Amino acid sequence: MSKRLNYHSLAAAGVKALGAVSAYGDNCSIEPQLRRLVELRVSQINGCAYCLDMHARQLRQIGEKQQRLDVLSAWHETSFFSKRECAALAWAESVTLVSTTHVPDEDFAAARAEFSEQELADLTLIIVAMNSWNRLAISFRSEPAAAP
């Protein structure tokens, strides 16, 4: 696949605005490792190779175990993730697949049981931003650089 266009330069103000939403996640109530796990899971669902590569590398850099990365797409079949992580991953799936799930009350209740209102709002902004980045990268065929 070849890159279709450089949306970073063509829509610089929009990319900067979306970047500001993502930057909000840097200092919000959601811990960095959980944020990156959620971003990776959202990117798995959307099939974004560029973001999968980036967030897996970020997670390894902050000490995430490779085994957890390997099974993330089947997180619900393992005992490798905490109750809080499972709630975040389930919420990320429901919000990402909104056209199918319509984010039902039971999904909200399960997430709300593990997260404060502030945390749930922050988590949802992280999910929304990641879905936006995925859609840009996939639409315009952004590819990860080959590993050295």
Protein backbone atom coordinates (compact mmCIF):
# COMPACT_ATOMS: atom_id res chain seq x y z
CA MET A 1 0.00 0.00 0.00
CA SER A 2 1.13 3.50 -0.65
CA LYS A 3 0.28 6.58 1.33
CA ARG A 4 -2.65 8.43 -0.24
CA LEU A 5 -1.91 11.93 1.03
CA ASN A 6 -0.22 13.79 3.85
CA TYR A 7 -3.13 14.82 6.05
CA HIS A 8 -0.70 16.22 8.62
CA SER A 9 0.29 19.06 6.31
CA LEU A 10 -2.97 19.43 4.42
CA ALA A 11 -5.12 19.75 7.54
CA ALA A 12 -2.48 21.00 9.96
CA ALA A 13 -4.91 22.97 12.15
CA GLY A 14 -7.26 19.99 12.46
CA VAL A 15 -4.40 17.62 13.25
CA LYS A 16 -3.14 20.10 15.85
CA ALA A 17 -6.62 20.24 17.44
CA LEU A 18 -6.87 16.45 17.52
CA GLY A 19 -3.37 16.36 18.95
CA ALA A 20 -4.55 18.63 21.76
CA VAL A 21 -7.29 16.13 22.62
CA SER A 22 -4.69 13.35 22.66
CA ALA A 23 -2.35 15.49 24.76
CA TYR A 24 -5.13 15.88 27.31
CA GLY A 25 -4.69 12.16 27.93
CA ASP A 26 -1.09 12.75 28.99
CA ASN A 27 -2.17 14.42 32.22
CA CYS A 28 -5.66 13.13 32.84
CA SER A 29 -6.95 10.77 35.53
CA ILE A 30 -6.16 7.60 33.56
CA GLU A 31 -2.79 6.04 34.32
CA PRO A 32 -0.36 5.91 31.35
CA GLN A 33 -0.14 2.12 31.05
CA LEU A 34 -3.92 1.72 31.03
CA ARG A 35 -4.23 4.51 28.49
CA ARG A 36 -1.79 2.79 26.13
CA LEU A 37 -3.50 -0.59 26.58
CA VAL A 38 -6.82 0.98 25.63
CA GLU A 39 -5.26 2.74 22.64
CA LEU A 40 -3.73 -0.51 21.48
CA ARG A 41 -7.01 -2.41 21.87
CA VAL A 42 -8.96 0.25 19.95
CA SER A 43 -6.33 0.09 17.20
CA GLN A 44 -6.65 -3.72 17.09
CA ILE A 45 -10.41 -3.45 16.63
CA ASN A 46 -9.99 -0.87 13.87
CA GLY A 47 -7.10 -2.70 12.20
CA CYS A 48 -4.71 0.27 12.20
CA ALA A 49 -1.19 -1.05 11.61
CA TYR A 50 0.44 2.34 12.14
CA CYS A 51 -1.16 2.81 15.57
CA LEU A 52 -0.70 -0.84 16.56
CA ASP A 53 3.02 -0.51 15.97
CA MET A 54 3.27 2.81 17.82
CA HIS A 55 1.28 1.83 20.91
CA ALA A 56 2.84 -1.63 21.26
CA ARG A 57 6.29 0.03 21.19
CA GLN A 58 5.16 2.62 23.76
CA LEU A 59 3.86 -0.11 26.05
CA ARG A 60 7.08 -2.12 25.83
CA GLN A 61 9.06 1.05 26.60
CA ILE A 62 7.13 1.56 29.84
CA GLY A 63 7.67 -2.05 30.88
CA GLU A 64 4.56 -3.84 29.63
CA LYS A 65 5.01 -7.61 29.42
CA GLN A 66 5.08 -9.03 25.92
CA GLN A 67 2.73 -11.84 26.93
CA ARG A 68 -0.02 -9.35 27.81
CA LEU A 69 0.49 -7.62 24.46
CA ASP A 70 0.29 -10.97 22.71
CA VAL A 71 -3.11 -11.83 24.21
CA LEU A 72 -4.66 -8.37 24.34
CA SER A 73 -7.14 -9.11 21.57
CA ALA A 74 -8.45 -11.99 23.70
CA TRP A 75 -8.08 -10.25 27.07
CA HIS A 76 -11.39 -11.65 28.33
CA GLU A 77 -10.05 -15.21 28.01
CA THR A 78 -7.10 -14.63 30.36
CA SER A 79 -6.48 -13.71 33.96
CA PHE A 80 -3.59 -11.39 32.97
CA PHE A 81 -5.56 -8.16 33.33
CA SER A 82 -6.89 -6.49 36.47
CA LYS A 83 -10.58 -5.86 37.03
CA ARG A 84 -10.01 -2.17 36.27
CA GLU A 85 -8.15 -2.99 33.05
CA CYS A 86 -10.90 -5.39 31.99
CA ALA A 87 -13.55 -2.73 32.60
CA ALA A 88 -11.56 -0.22 30.53
CA LEU A 89 -11.04 -2.68 27.69
CA ALA A 90 -14.72 -3.65 27.64
CA TRP A 91 -15.73 0.03 27.62
CA ALA A 92 -13.24 0.72 24.82
CA GLU A 93 -14.74 -2.09 22.75
CA SER A 94 -18.31 -0.93 23.33
CA VAL A 95 -17.54 2.71 22.48
CA THR A 96 -15.38 1.80 19.47
CA LEU A 97 -18.13 -0.44 18.08
CA VAL A 98 -20.83 2.14 18.81
CA SER A 99 -22.69 1.51 15.52
CA THR A 100 -23.23 -2.09 16.61
CA THR A 101 -23.39 -1.85 20.41
CA HIS A 102 -25.04 1.56 20.88
CA VAL A 103 -23.10 1.50 24.20
CA PRO A 104 -25.80 -0.15 26.33
CA ASP A 105 -26.61 0.73 29.92
CA GLU A 106 -25.04 -2.49 31.21
CA ASP A 107 -21.70 -1.57 29.59
CA PHE A 108 -21.88 1.87 31.21
CA ALA A 109 -22.76 0.34 34.60
CA ALA A 110 -19.81 -2.08 34.40
CA ALA A 111 -17.39 0.73 33.53
CA ARG A 112 -18.87 3.04 36.16
CA ALA A 113 -18.32 0.37 38.81
CA GLU A 114 -14.55 0.67 38.28
CA PHE A 115 -14.15 4.33 37.31
CA SER A 116 -15.17 7.63 38.83
CA GLU A 117 -17.19 10.00 36.67
CA GLN A 118 -14.03 12.00 35.91
CA GLU A 119 -12.08 8.87 35.02
CA LEU A 120 -14.86 7.59 32.78
CA ALA A 121 -15.07 10.91 30.94
CA ASP A 122 -11.28 10.91 30.52
CA LEU A 123 -11.22 7.29 29.39
CA THR A 124 -13.92 7.97 26.83
CA LEU A 125 -12.00 10.97 25.45
CA ILE A 126 -8.95 8.71 25.05
CA ILE A 127 -11.08 6.18 23.15
CA VAL A 128 -12.66 8.86 20.95
CA ALA A 129 -9.28 10.38 20.09
CA MET A 130 -7.79 6.98 19.28
CA ASN A 131 -10.69 6.12 16.99
CA SER A 132 -10.15 9.45 15.20
CA TRP A 133 -6.42 8.81 14.71
CA ASN A 134 -7.16 5.28 13.49
CA ARG A 135 -9.62 6.55 10.93
CA LEU A 136 -7.15 9.11 9.60
CA ALA A 137 -4.24 6.66 9.44
CA ILE A 138 -6.30 3.92 7.78
CA SER A 139 -8.07 6.24 5.33
CA PHE A 140 -4.83 7.77 4.09
CA ARG A 141 -2.74 4.56 4.37
CA SER A 142 -0.19 5.56 6.98
CA GLU A 143 2.29 2.73 7.43
CA PRO A 144 4.63 2.02 10.32
CA ALA A 145 8.33 2.24 9.54
CA ALA A 146 10.10 -1.09 9.28
CA ALA A 147 11.99 -2.05 12.43
CA PRO A 148 15.78 -1.68 12.14
